[in-house]
């Protein structure tokens, strides 16, 4: 999404940050991130969504975690949209703060019904409540997820 590219551009050019992108798939903004000097790792998140149970999901999440070269270099994990809920869980596993941007004005059930087995919806709820900050662009969207607010919603 362009707004994240704008944030990244400011962070690199104005604040002197380095950016590392862990993406569930390659995309059209890759070249723009590379121009900022971002390290890019494309990791297929498909196996996470295909997990039949939590044990399998967490095993596959660990497989992704070890693909990140150096967690000590990471200060903040930014996850965009519900589909990246697993990034919040990765951040927590690594002891890193996370920002979780939510754009979807729908319930977790409706969004994930065709994508994730029902028992794993709990993990999405967990991500909403345990992200350091879960951010919404409008109050109407925030209301869809009010039950999972643990004081971290903004």
C-alpha atoms as a PDB file:
ATOM      1  CA  UNK A   1       0.000   0.000   0.000  1.00  0.00           C
ATOM      2  CA  UNK A   2       1.148   3.455  -0.880  1.00  0.00           C
ATOM      3  CA  UNK A   3       0.647   4.904   2.603  1.00  0.00           C
ATOM      4  CA  UNK A   4       3.187   2.441   4.025  1.00  0.00           C
ATOM      5  CA  UNK A   5       5.628   3.352   1.274  1.00  0.00           C
ATOM      6  CA  UNK A   6       5.167   7.015   2.208  1.00  0.00           C
ATOM      7  CA  UNK A   7       5.881   6.205   5.871  1.00  0.00           C
ATOM      8  CA  UNK A   8       8.916   4.149   4.899  1.00  0.00           C
ATOM      9  CA  UNK A   9      10.230   6.917   2.652  1.00  0.00           C
ATOM     10  CA  UNK A  10       9.998   9.433   5.493  1.00  0.00           C
ATOM     11  CA  UNK A  11      11.589   7.037   7.974  1.00  0.00           C
ATOM     12  CA  UNK A  12      14.530   6.341   5.677  1.00  0.00           C
ATOM     13  CA  UNK A  13      15.123   9.860   4.354  1.00  0.00           C
ATOM     14  CA  UNK A  14      14.233  11.969   7.386  1.00  0.00           C
ATOM     15  CA  UNK A  15      14.756   9.721  10.403  1.00  0.00           C
ATOM     16  CA  UNK A  16      17.647   7.623   9.099  1.00  0.00           C
ATOM     17  CA  UNK A  17      15.940   4.273   9.605  1.00  0.00           C
ATOM     18  CA  UNK A  18      16.633   1.106   7.694  1.00  0.00           C
ATOM     19  CA  UNK A  19      13.639  -0.840   6.429  1.00  0.00           C
ATOM     20  CA  UNK A  20      13.186  -4.584   6.158  1.00  0.00           C
ATOM     21  CA  UNK A  21      10.089  -5.899   4.407  1.00  0.00           C
ATOM     22  CA  UNK A  22       8.709  -9.365   5.082  1.00  0.00           C
ATOM     23  CA  UNK A  23       5.909  -9.817   2.574  1.00  0.00           C
ATOM     24  CA  UNK A  24       3.490 -12.663   2.064  1.00  0.00           C
ATOM     25  CA  UNK A  25       3.837 -12.155  -1.691  1.00  0.00           C
ATOM     26  CA  UNK A  26       5.779 -10.043  -4.148  1.00  0.00           C
ATOM     27  CA  UNK A  27       4.143  -6.887  -5.432  1.00  0.00           C
ATOM     28  CA  UNK A  28       4.341  -3.788  -7.611  1.00  0.00           C
ATOM     29  CA  UNK A  29       5.970  -1.610  -4.924  1.00  0.00           C
ATOM     30  CA  UNK A  30       9.030  -3.817  -4.565  1.00  0.00           C
ATOM     31  CA  UNK A  31      11.214  -1.568  -6.749  1.00  0.00           C
ATOM     32  CA  UNK A  32      10.229   1.509  -4.731  1.00  0.00           C
ATOM     33  CA  UNK A  33      11.185  -0.214  -1.484  1.00  0.00           C
ATOM     34  CA  UNK A  34      14.435  -1.431  -3.015  1.00  0.00           C
ATOM     35  CA  UNK A  35      15.199   2.157  -4.069  1.00  0.00           C
ATOM     36  CA  UNK A  36      14.980   3.054  -0.358  1.00  0.00           C
ATOM     37  CA  UNK A  37      17.560   0.372   0.377  1.00  0.00           C
ATOM     38  CA  UNK A  38      15.020  -1.938   1.997  1.00  0.00           C
ATOM     39  CA  UNK A  39      15.926  -5.542   2.533  1.00  0.00           C
ATOM     40  CA  UNK A  40      13.044  -7.605   1.144  1.00  0.00           C
ATOM     41  CA  UNK A  41      12.095 -11.126   2.086  1.00  0.00           C
ATOM     42  CA  UNK A  42       9.116 -12.698   0.348  1.00  0.00           C
ATOM     43  CA  UNK A  43       7.798 -15.563   2.411  1.00  0.00           C
ATOM     44  CA  UNK A  44       4.763 -17.535   1.313  1.00  0.00           C
ATOM     45  CA  UNK A  45       2.114 -17.114   4.010  1.00  0.00           C
ATOM     46  CA  UNK A  46      -0.107 -19.672   2.282  1.00  0.00           C
ATOM     47  CA  UNK A  47       0.955 -22.541   4.541  1.00  0.00           C
ATOM     48  CA  UNK A  48      -0.117 -20.506   7.584  1.00  0.00           C
ATOM     49  CA  UNK A  49      -3.604 -20.076   6.162  1.00  0.00           C
ATOM     50  CA  UNK A  50      -3.769 -23.753   5.225  1.00  0.00           C
ATOM     51  CA  UNK A  51      -2.860 -24.936   8.736  1.00  0.00           C
ATOM     52  CA  UNK A  52      -5.499 -27.337  10.058  1.00  0.00           C
ATOM     53  CA  UNK A  53      -4.815 -26.542  13.722  1.00  0.00           C
ATOM     54  CA  UNK A  54      -2.858 -24.255  16.068  1.00  0.00           C
ATOM     55  CA  UNK A  55       0.055 -26.636  16.530  1.00  0.00           C
ATOM     56  CA  UNK A  56       0.656 -26.777  12.783  1.00  0.00           C
ATOM     57  CA  UNK A  57       0.137 -23.018  12.465  1.00  0.00           C
ATOM     58  CA  UNK A  58       2.726 -22.256  15.155  1.00  0.00           C
ATOM     59  CA  UNK A  59       5.207 -24.694  13.618  1.00  0.00           C
ATOM     60  CA  UNK A  60       4.839 -22.967  10.269  1.00  0.00           C
ATOM     61  CA  UNK A  61       5.087 -19.548  11.934  1.00  0.00           C
ATOM     62  CA  UNK A  62       8.390 -20.653  13.466  1.00  0.00           C
ATOM     63  CA  UNK A  63       9.578 -21.640   9.984  1.00  0.00           C
ATOM     64  CA  UNK A  64       8.927 -18.032   8.911  1.00  0.00           C
ATOM     65  CA  UNK A  65      10.579 -16.602  12.026  1.00  0.00           C
ATOM     66  CA  UNK A  66      13.888 -18.317  11.290  1.00  0.00           C
ATOM     67  CA  UNK A  67      13.936 -16.851   7.774  1.00  0.00           C
ATOM     68  CA  UNK A  68      14.447 -13.381   9.287  1.00  0.00           C
ATOM     69  CA  UNK A  69      18.223 -12.974   9.424  1.00  0.00           C
ATOM     70  CA  UNK A  70      18.616 -10.865  12.523  1.00  0.00           C
ATOM     71  CA  UNK A  71      15.725 -10.076  14.848  1.00  0.00           C
ATOM     72  CA  UNK A  72      18.091  -7.915  16.920  1.00  0.00           C
ATOM     73  CA  UNK A  73      18.143  -5.376  14.058  1.00  0.00           C
ATOM     74  CA  UNK A  74      14.358  -5.015  14.136  1.00  0.00           C
ATOM     75  CA  UNK A  75      12.851  -2.311  16.343  1.00  0.00           C
ATOM     76  CA  UNK A  76       9.239  -2.405  15.179  1.00  0.00           C
ATOM     77  CA  UNK A  77       7.021  -4.758  13.181  1.00  0.00           C
ATOM     78  CA  UNK A  78       4.309  -3.068  11.101  1.00  0.00           C
ATOM     79  CA  UNK A  79       1.469  -5.276   9.889  1.00  0.00           C
ATOM     80  CA  UNK A  80      -1.018  -4.003   7.344  1.00  0.00           C
ATOM     81  CA  UNK A  81      -4.568  -5.383   7.087  1.00  0.00           C
ATOM     82  CA  UNK A  82      -6.096  -8.446   8.686  1.00  0.00           C
ATOM     83  CA  UNK A  83      -4.261 -10.789   6.315  1.00  0.00           C
ATOM     84  CA  UNK A  84      -0.988  -9.959   8.095  1.00  0.00           C
ATOM     85  CA  UNK A  85      -2.220 -10.888  11.588  1.00  0.00           C
ATOM     86  CA  UNK A  86       0.520 -13.501  11.713  1.00  0.00           C
ATOM     87  CA  UNK A  87       3.123 -10.697  11.728  1.00  0.00           C
ATOM     88  CA  UNK A  88       1.851  -9.548  15.135  1.00  0.00           C
ATOM     89  CA  UNK A  89       2.338 -13.082  16.435  1.00  0.00           C
ATOM     90  CA  UNK A  90       5.852 -13.165  14.943  1.00  0.00           C
ATOM     91  CA  UNK A  91       6.697  -9.852  16.601  1.00  0.00           C
ATOM     92  CA  UNK A  92       5.463 -11.030  19.977  1.00  0.00           C
ATOM     93  CA  UNK A  93       7.449 -14.261  19.637  1.00  0.00           C
ATOM     94  CA  UNK A  94      10.574 -12.163  18.944  1.00  0.00           C
ATOM     95  CA  UNK A  95       9.855  -9.736  21.799  1.00  0.00           C
ATOM     96  CA  UNK A  96       9.308  -6.822  19.393  1.00  0.00           C
ATOM     97  CA  UNK A  97       6.607  -4.126  19.427  1.00  0.00           C
ATOM     98  CA  UNK A  98       4.037  -4.166  16.658  1.00  0.00           C
ATOM     99  CA  UNK A  99       1.639  -1.834  14.855  1.00  0.00           C
ATOM    100  CA  UNK A 100      -1.376  -3.527  13.305  1.00  0.00           C
ATOM    101  CA  UNK A 101      -3.226  -1.402  10.725  1.00  0.00           C
ATOM    102  CA  UNK A 102      -6.817  -2.518  10.177  1.00  0.00           C
ATOM    103  CA  UNK A 103      -8.738  -1.335   7.118  1.00  0.00           C
ATOM    104  CA  UNK A 104     -11.422  -4.015   6.849  1.00  0.00           C
ATOM    105  CA  UNK A 105     -14.896  -3.068   8.012  1.00  0.00           C
ATOM    106  CA  UNK A 106     -16.130  -6.587   8.568  1.00  0.00           C
ATOM    107  CA  UNK A 107     -15.972  -9.223  11.268  1.00  0.00           C
ATOM    108  CA  UNK A 108     -13.047 -11.600  11.661  1.00  0.00           C
ATOM    109  CA  UNK A 109     -15.422 -14.469  10.930  1.00  0.00           C
ATOM    110  CA  UNK A 110     -16.698 -12.965   7.668  1.00  0.00           C
ATOM    111  CA  UNK A 111     -13.228 -12.014   6.489  1.00  0.00           C
ATOM    112  CA  UNK A 112     -11.517 -15.304   7.325  1.00  0.00           C
ATOM    113  CA  UNK A 113     -14.349 -17.804   6.838  1.00  0.00           C
ATOM    114  CA  UNK A 114     -13.099 -18.944   3.419  1.00  0.00           C
ATOM    115  CA  UNK A 115      -9.399 -18.442   4.257  1.00  0.00           C
ATOM    116  CA  UNK A 116      -8.738 -19.928   7.701  1.00  0.00           C
ATOM    117  CA  UNK A 117     -10.256 -22.830   9.633  1.00  0.00           C
ATOM    118  CA  UNK A 118     -12.616 -21.608  12.320  1.00  0.00           C
ATOM    119  CA  UNK A 119     -10.496 -22.663  15.346  1.00  0.00           C
ATOM    120  CA  UNK A 120      -7.658 -20.424  14.052  1.00  0.00           C
ATOM    121  CA  UNK A 121      -9.842 -17.299  14.066  1.00  0.00           C
ATOM    122  CA  UNK A 122      -8.880 -17.094  17.736  1.00  0.00           C
ATOM    123  CA  UNK A 123      -5.345 -16.226  16.650  1.00  0.00           C
ATOM    124  CA  UNK A 124      -6.618 -13.218  14.696  1.00  0.00           C
ATOM    125  CA  UNK A 125      -8.486 -12.051  17.799  1.00  0.00           C
ATOM    126  CA  UNK A 126      -5.289 -12.563  19.788  1.00  0.00           C
ATOM    127  CA  UNK A 127      -3.312 -10.449  17.322  1.00  0.00           C
ATOM    128  CA  UNK A 128      -5.866  -7.635  17.537  1.00  0.00           C
ATOM    129  CA  UNK A 129      -5.629  -7.592  21.317  1.00  0.00           C
ATOM    130  CA  UNK A 130      -1.898  -8.131  21.732  1.00  0.00           C
ATOM    131  CA  UNK A 131      -0.431  -5.860  19.061  1.00  0.00           C
ATOM    132  CA  UNK A 132       1.366  -3.017  20.790  1.00  0.00           C
ATOM    133  CA  UNK A 133      -1.000  -0.722  18.898  1.00  0.00           C
ATOM    134  CA  UNK A 134      -3.909  -1.728  16.697  1.00  0.00           C
ATOM    135  CA  UNK A 135      -4.720   1.235  14.475  1.00  0.00           C
ATOM    136  CA  UNK A 136      -7.922   2.100  12.654  1.00  0.00           C
ATOM    137  CA  UNK A 137      -8.495   4.748  10.037  1.00  0.00           C
ATOM    138  CA  UNK A 138     -12.020   5.421  11.289  1.00  0.00           C
ATOM    139  CA  UNK A 139     -14.230   4.780  14.297  1.00  0.00           C
ATOM    140  CA  UNK A 140     -16.744   2.770  12.252  1.00  0.00           C
ATOM    141  CA  UNK A 141     -14.089   0.171  11.444  1.00  0.00           C
ATOM    142  CA  UNK A 142     -12.859   0.099  15.042  1.00  0.00           C
ATOM    143  CA  UNK A 143     -16.339  -0.837  16.270  1.00  0.00           C
ATOM    144  CA  UNK A 144     -16.204  -4.137  14.372  1.00  0.00           C
ATOM    145  CA  UNK A 145     -13.331  -5.225  16.626  1.00  0.00           C
ATOM    146  CA  UNK A 146     -14.310  -3.579  19.925  1.00  0.00           C
ATOM    147  CA  UNK A 147     -14.541  -6.906  21.780  1.00  0.00           C
ATOM    148  CA  UNK A 148     -10.812  -7.509  21.338  1.00  0.00           C
ATOM    149  CA  UNK A 149      -9.554  -4.106  22.556  1.00  0.00           C
ATOM    150  CA  UNK A 150      -7.110  -4.528  25.439  1.00  0.00           C
ATOM    151  CA  UNK A 151      -6.313  -0.819  25.691  1.00  0.00           C
ATOM    152  CA  UNK A 152      -4.105  -0.970  22.604  1.00  0.00           C
ATOM    153  CA  UNK A 153      -6.583   0.435  20.044  1.00  0.00           C
ATOM    154  CA  UNK A 154      -6.027   3.848  18.506  1.00  0.00           C
END
